[in-house]
Amino acid sequence: MKVSAWFAGVRILSENAAACLLKYQRWNAAEKRYVDTEDAYDRRLFYILTVRPNKRMTRFEFYKNLYARRINEGNAFVFVSMDTLGKPWEPFLLSKDAVTYDVQSDIYKVTDTT
């Protein structure tokens, strides 16, 4: 009974957090305020954050799974693939055991086959 109550709580928390709307704005130093932006890079980033992060998940599914992993495992890892210009293209959730961190070289190593 305790396990099912735990997962019901995780479901409620993660679904409510995923349902929150995001508003993407950029800081304008000249005007000293946040403004909406029309840059093509910003439109892509806005689409990734608020509509569809990757081909397999909607925004709601992505953030629901992200929050659920963070609650259950204590941390969540996301790999962001880049386009040819080095701009963010698609984020993917990684499994807990797929990421290792080397303290000496300050490098994360990802070995997730999925």
PDB file of N, CA and C in Angstrom:
ATOM      1  N   MET A   1       0.806  -1.191   0.000  1.00  0.00           N
ATOM      2  CA  MET A   1       0.000   0.000   0.000  1.00  0.00           C
ATOM      3  C   MET A   1       0.854   1.261   0.000  1.00  0.00           C
ATOM      4  N   LYS A   2       1.997   1.215   0.717  1.00  0.00           N
ATOM      5  CA  LYS A   2       2.869   2.388   0.790  1.00  0.00           C
ATOM      6  C   LYS A   2       3.472   2.714  -0.565  1.00  0.00           C
ATOM      7  N   VAL A   3       3.834   1.689  -1.323  1.00  0.00           N
ATOM      8  CA  VAL A   3       4.444   1.902  -2.636  1.00  0.00           C
ATOM      9  C   VAL A   3       3.444   2.534  -3.589  1.00  0.00           C
ATOM     10  N   SER A   4       2.219   2.046  -3.598  1.00  0.00           N
ATOM     11  CA  SER A   4       1.216   2.618  -4.497  1.00  0.00           C
ATOM     12  C   SER A   4       0.884   4.047  -4.095  1.00  0.00           C
ATOM     13  N   ALA A   5       0.889   4.349  -2.797  1.00  0.00           N
ATOM     14  CA  ALA A   5       0.646   5.730  -2.346  1.00  0.00           C
ATOM     15  C   ALA A   5       1.793   6.635  -2.784  1.00  0.00           C
ATOM     16  N   TRP A   6       3.025   6.104  -2.721  1.00  0.00           N
ATOM     17  CA  TRP A   6       4.184   6.894  -3.162  1.00  0.00           C
ATOM     18  C   TRP A   6       4.060   7.240  -4.643  1.00  0.00           C
ATOM     19  N   PHE A   7       3.769   6.256  -5.471  1.00  0.00           N
ATOM     20  CA  PHE A   7       3.684   6.501  -6.906  1.00  0.00           C
ATOM     21  C   PHE A   7       2.484   7.367  -7.275  1.00  0.00           C
ATOM     22  N   ALA A   8       1.416   7.276  -6.512  1.00  0.00           N
ATOM     23  CA  ALA A   8       0.276   8.165  -6.739  1.00  0.00           C
ATOM     24  C   ALA A   8       0.663   9.602  -6.432  1.00  0.00           C
ATOM     25  N   GLY A   9       1.420   9.801  -5.366  1.00  0.00           N
ATOM     26  CA  GLY A   9       1.909  11.142  -5.038  1.00  0.00           C
ATOM     27  C   GLY A   9       2.860  11.677  -6.079  1.00  0.00           C
ATOM     28  N   VAL A  10       3.753  10.822  -6.562  1.00  0.00           N
ATOM     29  CA  VAL A  10       4.681  11.228  -7.623  1.00  0.00           C
ATOM     30  C   VAL A  10       3.917  11.600  -8.884  1.00  0.00           C
ATOM     31  N   ARG A  11       2.908  10.826  -9.224  1.00  0.00           N
ATOM     32  CA  ARG A  11       2.097  11.126 -10.406  1.00  0.00           C
ATOM     33  C   ARG A  11       1.412  12.479 -10.268  1.00  0.00           C
ATOM     34  N   ILE A  12       0.831  12.743  -9.115  1.00  0.00           N
ATOM     35  CA  ILE A  12       0.139  14.010  -8.905  1.00  0.00           C
ATOM     36  C   ILE A  12       1.118  15.182  -8.995  1.00  0.00           C
ATOM     37  N   LEU A  13       2.262  15.065  -8.316  1.00  0.00           N
ATOM     38  CA  LEU A  13       3.251  16.139  -8.351  1.00  0.00           C
ATOM     39  C   LEU A  13       3.801  16.380  -9.753  1.00  0.00           C
ATOM     40  N   SER A  14       4.171  15.306 -10.439  1.00  0.00           N
ATOM     41  CA  SER A  14       4.788  15.466 -11.753  1.00  0.00           C
ATOM     42  C   SER A  14       3.790  15.968 -12.795  1.00  0.00           C
ATOM     43  N   GLU A  15       2.543  15.520 -12.728  1.00  0.00           N
ATOM     44  CA  GLU A  15       1.545  16.002 -13.688  1.00  0.00           C
ATOM     45  C   GLU A  15       1.210  17.473 -13.453  1.00  0.00           C
ATOM     46  N   ASN A  16       1.129  17.890 -12.191  1.00  0.00           N
ATOM     47  CA  ASN A  16       0.853  19.299 -11.916  1.00  0.00           C
ATOM     48  C   ASN A  16       2.016  20.191 -12.318  1.00  0.00           C
ATOM     49  N   ALA A  17       3.243  19.740 -12.074  1.00  0.00           N
ATOM     50  CA  ALA A  17       4.405  20.529 -12.479  1.00  0.00           C
ATOM     51  C   ALA A  17       4.508  20.607 -14.001  1.00  0.00           C
ATOM     52  N   ALA A  18       4.214  19.509 -14.691  1.00  0.00           N
ATOM     53  CA  ALA A  18       4.294  19.492 -16.146  1.00  0.00           C
ATOM     54  C   ALA A  18       3.207  20.334 -16.788  1.00  0.00           C
ATOM     55  N   ALA A  19       2.095  20.505 -16.101  1.00  0.00           N
ATOM     56  CA  ALA A  19       0.984  21.285 -16.657  1.00  0.00           C
ATOM     57  C   ALA A  19       1.222  22.789 -16.563  1.00  0.00           C
ATOM     58  N   CYS A  20       2.195  23.221 -15.779  1.00  0.00           N
ATOM     59  CA  CYS A  20       2.486  24.656 -15.665  1.00  0.00           C
ATOM     60  C   CYS A  20       2.989  25.191 -17.009  1.00  0.00           C
ATOM     61  N   LEU A  21       2.527  26.361 -17.369  1.00  0.00           N
ATOM     62  CA  LEU A  21       2.934  26.975 -18.629  1.00  0.00           C
ATOM     63  C   LEU A  21       4.277  27.676 -18.475  1.00  0.00           C
ATOM     64  N   LEU A  22       5.087  27.588 -19.513  1.00  0.00           N
ATOM     65  CA  LEU A  22       6.368  28.278 -19.538  1.00  0.00           C
ATOM     66  C   LEU A  22       6.262  29.512 -20.423  1.00  0.00           C
ATOM     67  N   LYS A  23       6.923  30.568 -20.018  1.00  0.00           N
ATOM     68  CA  LYS A  23       6.992  31.760 -20.851  1.00  0.00           C
ATOM     69  C   LYS A  23       8.462  32.057 -21.091  1.00  0.00           C
ATOM     70  N   TYR A  24       8.865  32.041 -22.334  1.00  0.00           N
ATOM     71  CA  TYR A  24      10.266  32.249 -22.687  1.00  0.00           C
ATOM     72  C   TYR A  24      10.471  33.695 -23.105  1.00  0.00           C
ATOM     73  N   GLN A  25      11.356  34.376 -22.390  1.00  0.00           N
ATOM     74  CA  GLN A  25      11.713  35.747 -22.725  1.00  0.00           C
ATOM     75  C   GLN A  25      13.218  35.901 -22.590  1.00  0.00           C
ATOM     76  N   ARG A  26      13.747  36.935 -23.215  1.00  0.00           N
ATOM     77  CA  ARG A  26      15.175  37.208 -23.162  1.00  0.00           C
ATOM     78  C   ARG A  26      15.399  38.553 -22.477  1.00  0.00           C
ATOM     79  N   TRP A  27      16.496  38.654 -21.709  1.00  0.00           N
ATOM     80  CA  TRP A  27      16.831  39.895 -21.024  1.00  0.00           C
ATOM     81  C   TRP A  27      17.395  40.900 -22.023  1.00  0.00           C
ATOM     82  N   ASN A  28      16.808  42.082 -22.072  1.00  0.00           N
ATOM     83  CA  ASN A  28      17.286  43.170 -22.918  1.00  0.00           C
ATOM     84  C   ASN A  28      18.013  44.158 -22.017  1.00  0.00           C
ATOM     85  N   ALA A  29      19.337  44.215 -22.125  1.00  0.00           N
ATOM     86  CA  ALA A  29      20.144  45.065 -21.250  1.00  0.00           C
ATOM     87  C   ALA A  29      19.897  46.544 -21.520  1.00  0.00           C
ATOM     88  N   ALA A  30      19.618  46.907 -22.767  1.00  0.00           N
ATOM     89  CA  ALA A  30      19.386  48.314 -23.090  1.00  0.00           C
ATOM     90  C   ALA A  30      18.119  48.837 -22.430  1.00  0.00           C
ATOM     91  N   GLU A  31      17.070  48.022 -22.464  1.00  0.00           N
ATOM     92  CA  GLU A  31      15.793  48.426 -21.860  1.00  0.00           C
ATOM     93  C   GLU A  31      15.691  48.007 -20.395  1.00  0.00           C
ATOM     94  N   LYS A  32      16.641  47.185 -19.933  1.00  0.00           N
ATOM     95  CA  LYS A  32      16.670  46.679 -18.559  1.00  0.00           C
ATOM     96  C   LYS A  32      15.363  45.994 -18.165  1.00  0.00           C
ATOM     97  N   ARG A  33      14.906  45.103 -19.042  1.00  0.00           N
ATOM     98  CA  ARG A  33      13.699  44.321 -18.765  1.00  0.00           C
ATOM     99  C   ARG A  33      13.684  43.099 -19.663  1.00  0.00           C
ATOM    100  N   TYR A  34      12.816  42.140 -19.334  1.00  0.00           N
ATOM    101  CA  TYR A  34      12.643  40.959 -20.166  1.00  0.00           C
ATOM    102  C   TYR A  34      11.685  41.281 -21.303  1.00  0.00           C
ATOM    103  N   VAL A  35      12.028  40.821 -22.504  1.00  0.00           N
ATOM    104  CA  VAL A  35      11.198  41.095 -23.673  1.00  0.00           C
ATOM    105  C   VAL A  35      10.994  39.810 -24.464  1.00  0.00           C
ATOM    106  N   ASP A  36       9.889  39.751 -25.216  1.00  0.00           N
ATOM    107  CA  ASP A  36       9.685  38.660 -26.161  1.00  0.00           C
ATOM    108  C   ASP A  36      10.648  38.860 -27.315  1.00  0.00           C
ATOM    109  N   THR A  37      11.073  37.771 -27.922  1.00  0.00           N
ATOM    110  CA  THR A  37      12.073  37.884 -28.979  1.00  0.00           C
ATOM    111  C   THR A  37      11.588  37.235 -30.263  1.00  0.00           C
ATOM    112  N   GLU A  38      12.084  37.692 -31.370  1.00  0.00           N
ATOM    113  CA  GLU A  38      11.669  37.198 -32.687  1.00  0.00           C
ATOM    114  C   GLU A  38      12.801  36.503 -33.439  1.00  0.00           C
ATOM    115  N   ASP A  39      13.921  36.281 -32.787  1.00  0.00           N
ATOM    116  CA  ASP A  39      15.069  35.644 -33.404  1.00  0.00           C
ATOM    117  C   ASP A  39      14.731  34.193 -33.759  1.00  0.00           C
ATOM    118  N   ALA A  40      15.263  33.682 -34.868  1.00  0.00           N
ATOM    119  CA  ALA A  40      14.967  32.306 -35.299  1.00  0.00           C
ATOM    120  C   ALA A  40      15.475  31.301 -34.273  1.00  0.00           C
ATOM    121  N   TYR A  41      16.643  31.551 -33.705  1.00  0.00           N
ATOM    122  CA  TYR A  41      17.178  30.670 -32.669  1.00  0.00           C
ATOM    123  C   TYR A  41      16.238  30.639 -31.477  1.00  0.00           C
ATOM    124  N   ASP A  42      15.739  31.796 -31.074  1.00  0.00           N
ATOM    125  CA  ASP A  42      14.836  31.862 -29.934  1.00  0.00           C
ATOM    126  C   ASP A  42      13.506  31.189 -30.233  1.00  0.00           C
ATOM    127  N   ARG A  43      13.043  31.265 -31.476  1.00  0.00           N
ATOM    128  CA  ARG A  43      11.797  30.580 -31.829  1.00  0.00           C
ATOM    129  C   ARG A  43      11.971  29.071 -31.707  1.00  0.00           C
ATOM    130  N   ARG A  44      13.122  28.552 -32.115  1.00  0.00           N
ATOM    131  CA  ARG A  44      13.386  27.117 -31.995  1.00  0.00           C
ATOM    132  C   ARG A  44      13.460  26.709 -30.522  1.00  0.00           C
ATOM    133  N   LEU A  45      14.151  27.493 -29.726  1.00  0.00           N
ATOM    134  CA  LEU A  45      14.255  27.203 -28.302  1.00  0.00           C
ATOM    135  C   LEU A  45      12.888  27.290 -27.631  1.00  0.00           C
ATOM    136  N   PHE A  46      12.076  28.267 -28.018  1.00  0.00           N
ATOM    137  CA  PHE A  46      10.715  28.398 -27.508  1.00  0.00           C
ATOM    138  C   PHE A  46       9.896  27.160 -27.867  1.00  0.00           C
ATOM    139  N   TYR A  47      10.029  26.674 -29.092  1.00  0.00           N
ATOM    140  CA  TYR A  47       9.305  25.485 -29.543  1.00  0.00           C
ATOM    141  C   TYR A  47       9.737  24.260 -28.734  1.00  0.00           C
ATOM    142  N   ILE A  48      11.036  24.115 -28.496  1.00  0.00           N
ATOM    143  CA  ILE A  48      11.554  22.976 -27.728  1.00  0.00           C
ATOM    144  C   ILE A  48      11.024  23.007 -26.298  1.00  0.00           C
ATOM    145  N   LEU A  49      11.019  24.180 -25.684  1.00  0.00           N
ATOM    146  CA  LEU A  49      10.622  24.289 -24.283  1.00  0.00           C
ATOM    147  C   LEU A  49       9.114  24.210 -24.066  1.00  0.00           C
ATOM    148  N   THR A  50       8.329  24.676 -25.028  1.00  0.00           N
ATOM    149  CA  THR A  50       6.897  24.811 -24.765  1.00  0.00           C
ATOM    150  C   THR A  50       5.976  23.948 -25.621  1.00  0.00           C
ATOM    151  N   VAL A  51       6.464  23.382 -26.714  1.00  0.00           N
ATOM    152  CA  VAL A  51       5.576  22.625 -27.603  1.00  0.00           C
ATOM    153  C   VAL A  51       5.977  21.162 -27.689  1.00  0.00           C
ATOM    154  N   ARG A  52       7.097  20.872 -28.300  1.00  0.00           N
ATOM    155  CA  ARG A  52       7.506  19.484 -28.524  1.00  0.00           C
ATOM    156  C   ARG A  52       9.023  19.383 -28.428  1.00  0.00           C
ATOM    157  N   PRO A  53       9.539  18.867 -27.304  1.00  0.00           N
ATOM    158  CA  PRO A  53      10.989  18.800 -27.137  1.00  0.00           C
ATOM    159  C   PRO A  53      11.678  17.842 -28.108  1.00  0.00           C
ATOM    160  N   ASN A  54      11.061  16.706 -28.394  1.00  0.00           N
ATOM    161  CA  ASN A  54      11.652  15.768 -29.348  1.00  0.00           C
ATOM    162  C   ASN A  54      10.538  15.017 -30.067  1.00  0.00           C
ATOM    163  N   LYS A  55      10.922  14.141 -30.982  1.00  0.00           N
ATOM    164  CA  LYS A  55       9.934  13.450 -31.820  1.00  0.00           C
ATOM    165  C   LYS A  55       9.090  12.441 -31.049  1.00  0.00           C
ATOM    166  N   ARG A  56       9.619  11.967 -29.919  1.00  0.00           N
ATOM    167  CA  ARG A  56       8.930  10.905 -29.184  1.00  0.00           C
ATOM    168  C   ARG A  56       7.969  11.403 -28.114  1.00  0.00           C
ATOM    169  N   MET A  57       8.106  12.654 -27.664  1.00  0.00           N
ATOM    170  CA  MET A  57       7.317  13.131 -26.532  1.00  0.00           C
ATOM    171  C   MET A  57       6.738  14.512 -26.774  1.00  0.00           C
ATOM    172  N   THR A  58       5.593  14.738 -26.165  1.00  0.00           N
ATOM    173  CA  THR A  58       5.067  16.100 -26.117  1.00  0.00           C
ATOM    174  C   THR A  58       5.732  16.811 -24.933  1.00  0.00           C
ATOM    175  N   ARG A  59       5.493  18.109 -24.835  1.00  0.00           N
ATOM    176  CA  ARG A  59       6.068  18.869 -23.728  1.00  0.00           C
ATOM    177  C   ARG A  59       5.591  18.318 -22.382  1.00  0.00           C
ATOM    178  N   PHE A  60       4.302  18.010 -22.288  1.00  0.00           N
ATOM    179  CA  PHE A  60       3.734  17.503 -21.040  1.00  0.00           C
ATOM    180  C   PHE A  60       4.385  16.183 -20.642  1.00  0.00           C
ATOM    181  N   GLU A  61       4.502  15.250 -21.579  1.00  0.00           N
ATOM    182  CA  GLU A  61       5.110  13.951 -21.287  1.00  0.00           C
ATOM    183  C   GLU A  61       6.563  14.100 -20.859  1.00  0.00           C
ATOM    184  N   PHE A  62       7.299  14.987 -21.553  1.00  0.00           N
ATOM    185  CA  PHE A  62       8.718  15.194 -21.256  1.00  0.00           C
ATOM    186  C   PHE A  62       8.895  15.705 -19.826  1.00  0.00           C
ATOM    187  N   TYR A  63       8.183  16.766 -19.466  1.00  0.00           N
ATOM    188  CA  TYR A  63       8.341  17.344 -18.136  1.00  0.00           C
ATOM    189  C   TYR A  63       7.764  16.446 -17.043  1.00  0.00           C
ATOM    190  N   LYS A  64       6.709  15.716 -17.345  1.00  0.00           N
ATOM    191  CA  LYS A  64       6.155  14.771 -16.368  1.00  0.00           C
ATOM    192  C   LYS A  64       7.188  13.700 -16.035  1.00  0.00           C
ATOM    193  N   ASN A  65       7.810  13.128 -17.052  1.00  0.00           N
ATOM    194  CA  ASN A  65       8.838  12.110 -16.824  1.00  0.00           C
ATOM    195  C   ASN A  65      10.080  12.704 -16.169  1.00  0.00           C
ATOM    196  N   LEU A  66      10.432  13.926 -16.532  1.00  0.00           N
ATOM    197  CA  LEU A  66      11.586  14.597 -15.936  1.00  0.00           C
ATOM    198  C   LEU A  66      11.376  14.794 -14.439  1.00  0.00           C
ATOM    199  N   TYR A  67      10.224  15.317 -14.044  1.00  0.00           N
ATOM    200  CA  TYR A  67       9.940  15.534 -12.630  1.00  0.00           C
ATOM    201  C   TYR A  67       9.802  14.219 -11.873  1.00  0.00           C
ATOM    202  N   ALA A  68       9.194  13.217 -12.482  1.00  0.00           N
ATOM    203  CA  ALA A  68       9.048  11.920 -11.821  1.00  0.00           C
ATOM    204  C   ALA A  68      10.418  11.298 -11.566  1.00  0.00           C
ATOM    205  N   ARG A  69      11.316  11.382 -12.512  1.00  0.00           N
ATOM    206  CA  ARG A  69      12.664  10.849 -12.305  1.00  0.00           C
ATOM    207  C   ARG A  69      13.405  11.625 -11.230  1.00  0.00           C
ATOM    208  N   ARG A  70      13.221  12.927 -11.232  1.00  0.00           N
ATOM    209  CA  ARG A  70      13.893  13.748 -10.220  1.00  0.00           C
ATOM    210  C   ARG A  70      13.393  13.388  -8.820  1.00  0.00           C
ATOM    211  N   ILE A  71      12.110  13.151  -8.671  1.00  0.00           N
ATOM    212  CA  ILE A  71      11.563  12.793  -7.360  1.00  0.00           C
ATOM    213  C   ILE A  71      12.004  11.384  -6.955  1.00  0.00           C
ATOM    214  N   ASN A  72      11.902  10.413  -7.853  1.00  0.00           N
ATOM    215  CA  ASN A  72      12.202   9.020  -7.517  1.00  0.00           C
ATOM    216  C   ASN A  72      13.694   8.730  -7.407  1.00  0.00           C
ATOM    217  N   GLU A  73      14.508   9.337  -8.269  1.00  0.00           N
ATOM    218  CA  GLU A  73      15.925   9.015  -8.309  1.00  0.00           C
ATOM    219  C   GLU A  73      16.808  10.085  -7.696  1.00  0.00           C
ATOM    220  N   GLY A  74      16.237  11.245  -7.370  1.00  0.00           N
ATOM    221  CA  GLY A  74      17.022  12.311  -6.762  1.00  0.00           C
ATOM    222  C   GLY A  74      17.672  13.239  -7.759  1.00  0.00           C
ATOM    223  N   ASN A  75      17.711  12.861  -9.022  1.00  0.00           N
ATOM    224  CA  ASN A  75      18.312  13.684 -10.065  1.00  0.00           C
ATOM    225  C   ASN A  75      17.783  13.201 -11.408  1.00  0.00           C
ATOM    226  N   ALA A  76      17.866  14.067 -12.393  1.00  0.00           N
ATOM    227  CA  ALA A  76      17.450  13.691 -13.742  1.00  0.00           C
ATOM    228  C   ALA A  76      18.447  14.272 -14.721  1.00  0.00           C
ATOM    229  N   PHE A  77      18.792  13.504 -15.726  1.00  0.00           N
ATOM    230  CA  PHE A  77      19.752  13.940 -16.725  1.00  0.00           C
ATOM    231  C   PHE A  77      19.070  14.106 -18.069  1.00  0.00           C
ATOM    232  N   VAL A  78      19.414  15.187 -18.766  1.00  0.00           N
ATOM    233  CA  VAL A  78      18.867  15.475 -20.086  1.00  0.00           C
ATOM    234  C   VAL A  78      20.040  15.713 -21.029  1.00  0.00           C
ATOM    235  N   PHE A  79      20.035  15.006 -22.157  1.00  0.00           N
ATOM    236  CA  PHE A  79      21.028  15.236 -23.208  1.00  0.00           C
ATOM    237  C   PHE A  79      20.375  16.103 -24.272  1.00  0.00           C
ATOM    238  N   VAL A  80      21.042  17.182 -24.633  1.00  0.00           N
ATOM    239  CA  VAL A  80      20.513  18.089 -25.651  1.00  0.00           C
ATOM    240  C   VAL A  80      21.358  17.936 -26.910  1.00  0.00           C
ATOM    241  N   SER A  81      20.742  17.399 -27.977  1.00  0.00           N
ATOM    242  CA  SER A  81      21.464  17.289 -29.239  1.00  0.00           C
ATOM    243  C   SER A  81      21.516  18.661 -29.900  1.00  0.00           C
ATOM    244  N   MET A  82      22.557  18.898 -30.653  1.00  0.00           N
ATOM    245  CA  MET A  82      22.772  20.195 -31.281  1.00  0.00           C
ATOM    246  C   MET A  82      22.644  20.082 -32.793  1.00  0.00           C
ATOM    247  N   ASP A  83      22.291  21.191 -33.438  1.00  0.00           N
ATOM    248  CA  ASP A  83      22.255  21.211 -34.897  1.00  0.00           C
ATOM    249  C   ASP A  83      23.658  21.513 -35.415  1.00  0.00           C
ATOM    250  N   THR A  84      23.792  21.715 -36.710  1.00  0.00           N
ATOM    251  CA  THR A  84      25.115  21.939 -37.308  1.00  0.00           C
ATOM    252  C   THR A  84      25.745  23.256 -36.874  1.00  0.00           C
ATOM    253  N   LEU A  85      24.935  24.195 -36.402  1.00  0.00           N
ATOM    254  CA  LEU A  85      25.464  25.490 -35.944  1.00  0.00           C
ATOM    255  C   LEU A  85      25.773  25.491 -34.450  1.00  0.00           C
ATOM    256  N   GLY A  86      25.528  24.373 -33.782  1.00  0.00           N
ATOM    257  CA  GLY A  86      25.788  24.279 -32.362  1.00  0.00           C
ATOM    258  C   GLY A  86      24.663  24.814 -31.498  1.00  0.00           C
ATOM    259  N   LYS A  87      23.491  24.971 -32.058  1.00  0.00           N
ATOM    260  CA  LYS A  87      22.324  25.447 -31.316  1.00  0.00           C
ATOM    261  C   LYS A  87      21.504  24.242 -30.836  1.00  0.00           C
ATOM    262  N   PRO A  88      20.802  24.364 -29.706  1.00  0.00           N
ATOM    263  CA  PRO A  88      20.005  23.239 -29.202  1.00  0.00           C
ATOM    264  C   PRO A  88      18.961  22.786 -30.217  1.00  0.00           C
ATOM    265  N   TRP A  89      18.838  21.470 -30.381  1.00  0.00           N
ATOM    266  CA  TRP A  89      17.886  20.929 -31.345  1.00  0.00           C
ATOM    267  C   TRP A  89      16.820  20.077 -30.673  1.00  0.00           C
ATOM    268  N   GLU A  90      17.246  19.034 -29.925  1.00  0.00           N
ATOM    269  CA  GLU A  90      16.292  18.141 -29.263  1.00  0.00           C
ATOM    270  C   GLU A  90      16.846  17.687 -27.913  1.00  0.00           C
ATOM    271  N   PRO A  91      16.080  17.837 -26.831  1.00  0.00           N
ATOM    272  CA  PRO A  91      16.493  17.261 -25.552  1.00  0.00           C
ATOM    273  C   PRO A  91      15.937  15.847 -25.379  1.00  0.00           C
ATOM    274  N   PHE A  92      16.714  14.982 -24.757  1.00  0.00           N
ATOM    275  CA  PHE A  92      16.310  13.606 -24.487  1.00  0.00           C
ATOM    276  C   PHE A  92      16.587  13.278 -23.028  1.00  0.00           C
ATOM    277  N   LEU A  93      15.666  12.587 -22.369  1.00  0.00           N
ATOM    278  CA  LEU A  93      15.891  12.119 -21.009  1.00  0.00           C
ATOM    279  C   LEU A  93      16.847  10.933 -21.033  1.00  0.00           C
ATOM    280  N   LEU A  94      17.769  10.914 -20.090  1.00  0.00           N
ATOM    281  CA  LEU A  94      18.721   9.816 -19.977  1.00  0.00           C
ATOM    282  C   LEU A  94      18.406   8.998 -18.733  1.00  0.00           C
ATOM    283  N   SER A  95      18.700   7.717 -18.805  1.00  0.00           N
ATOM    284  CA  SER A  95      18.492   6.879 -17.632  1.00  0.00           C
ATOM    285  C   SER A  95      19.567   7.165 -16.586  1.00  0.00           C
ATOM    286  N   LYS A  96      19.271   6.830 -15.349  1.00  0.00           N
ATOM    287  CA  LYS A  96      20.134   7.167 -14.221  1.00  0.00           C
ATOM    288  C   LYS A  96      21.536   6.566 -14.348  1.00  0.00           C
ATOM    289  N   ASP A  97      21.615   5.337 -14.773  1.00  0.00           N
ATOM    290  CA  ASP A  97      22.902   4.649 -14.834  1.00  0.00           C
ATOM    291  C   ASP A  97      23.677   4.934 -16.115  1.00  0.00           C
ATOM    292  N   ALA A  98      23.143   5.764 -16.992  1.00  0.00           N
ATOM    293  CA  ALA A  98      23.803   6.031 -18.263  1.00  0.00           C
ATOM    294  C   ALA A  98      24.797   7.179 -18.187  1.00  0.00           C
ATOM    295  N   VAL A  99      24.825   7.907 -17.073  1.00  0.00           N
ATOM    296  CA  VAL A  99      25.675   9.083 -16.957  1.00  0.00           C
ATOM    297  C   VAL A  99      26.672   8.886 -15.821  1.00  0.00           C
ATOM    298  N   THR A 100      27.952   9.090 -16.137  1.00  0.00           N
ATOM    299  CA  THR A 100      28.994   9.067 -15.111  1.00  0.00           C
ATOM    300  C   THR A 100      29.764  10.381 -15.170  1.00  0.00           C
ATOM    301  N   TYR A 101      30.294  10.791 -14.031  1.00  0.00           N
ATOM    302  CA  TYR A 101      31.025  12.048 -13.943  1.00  0.00           C
ATOM    303  C   TYR A 101      32.429  11.771 -13.453  1.00  0.00           C
ATOM    304  N   ASP A 102      33.427  12.285 -14.203  1.00  0.00           N
ATOM    305  CA  ASP A 102      34.827  12.145 -13.818  1.00  0.00           C
ATOM    306  C   ASP A 102      35.262  13.445 -13.140  1.00  0.00           C
ATOM    307  N   VAL A 103      35.553  13.381 -11.857  1.00  0.00           N
ATOM    308  CA  VAL A 103      35.907  14.570 -11.085  1.00  0.00           C
ATOM    309  C   VAL A 103      37.244  15.138 -11.539  1.00  0.00           C
ATOM    310  N   GLN A 104      38.179  14.272 -11.885  1.00  0.00           N
ATOM    311  CA  GLN A 104      39.519  14.715 -12.268  1.00  0.00           C
ATOM    312  C   GLN A 104      39.505  15.588 -13.522  1.00  0.00           C
ATOM    313  N   SER A 105      38.793  15.139 -14.548  1.00  0.00           N
ATOM    314  CA  SER A 105      38.786  15.872 -15.821  1.00  0.00           C
ATOM    315  C   SER A 105      37.565  16.763 -15.989  1.00  0.00           C
ATOM    316  N   ASP A 106      36.621  16.735 -15.026  1.00  0.00           N
ATOM    317  CA  ASP A 106      35.401  17.543 -15.062  1.00  0.00           C
ATOM    318  C   ASP A 106      34.596  17.270 -16.335  1.00  0.00           C
ATOM    319  N   ILE A 107      34.397  15.965 -16.619  1.00  0.00           N
ATOM    320  CA  ILE A 107      33.689  15.548 -17.832  1.00  0.00           C
ATOM    321  C   ILE A 107      32.581  14.564 -17.474  1.00  0.00           C
ATOM    322  N   TYR A 108      31.415  14.759 -18.075  1.00  0.00           N
ATOM    323  CA  TYR A 108      30.319  13.799 -17.973  1.00  0.00           C
ATOM    324  C   TYR A 108      30.415  12.846 -19.153  1.00  0.00           C
ATOM    325  N   LYS A 109      30.255  11.552 -18.882  1.00  0.00           N
ATOM    326  CA  LYS A 109      30.294  10.541 -19.948  1.00  0.00           C
ATOM    327  C   LYS A 109      28.915   9.903 -20.032  1.00  0.00           C
ATOM    328  N   VAL A 110      28.336   9.921 -21.257  1.00  0.00           N
ATOM    329  CA  VAL A 110      26.996   9.370 -21.483  1.00  0.00           C
ATOM    330  C   VAL A 110      27.131   8.082 -22.269  1.00  0.00           C
ATOM    331  N   THR A 111      26.562   7.012 -21.732  1.00  0.00           N
ATOM    332  CA  THR A 111      26.609   5.707 -22.398  1.00  0.00           C
ATOM    333  C   THR A 111      25.218   5.113 -22.532  1.00  0.00           C
ATOM    334  N   ASP A 112      24.225   5.938 -22.805  1.00  0.00           N
ATOM    335  CA  ASP A 112      22.848   5.476 -22.934  1.00  0.00           C
ATOM    336  C   ASP A 112      22.609   4.964 -24.354  1.00  0.00           C
ATOM    337  N   THR A 113      22.215   3.701 -24.471  1.00  0.00           N
ATOM    338  CA  THR A 113      22.029   3.127 -25.801  1.00  0.00           C
ATOM    339  C   THR A 113      20.667   3.500 -26.394  1.00  0.00           C
ATOM    340  N   THR A 114      19.708   3.868 -25.547  1.00  0.00           N
ATOM    341  CA  THR A 114      18.399   4.225 -26.063  1.00  0.00           C
ATOM    342  C   THR A 114      18.357   5.690 -26.391  1.00  0.00           C
TER     343      THR A 114
END
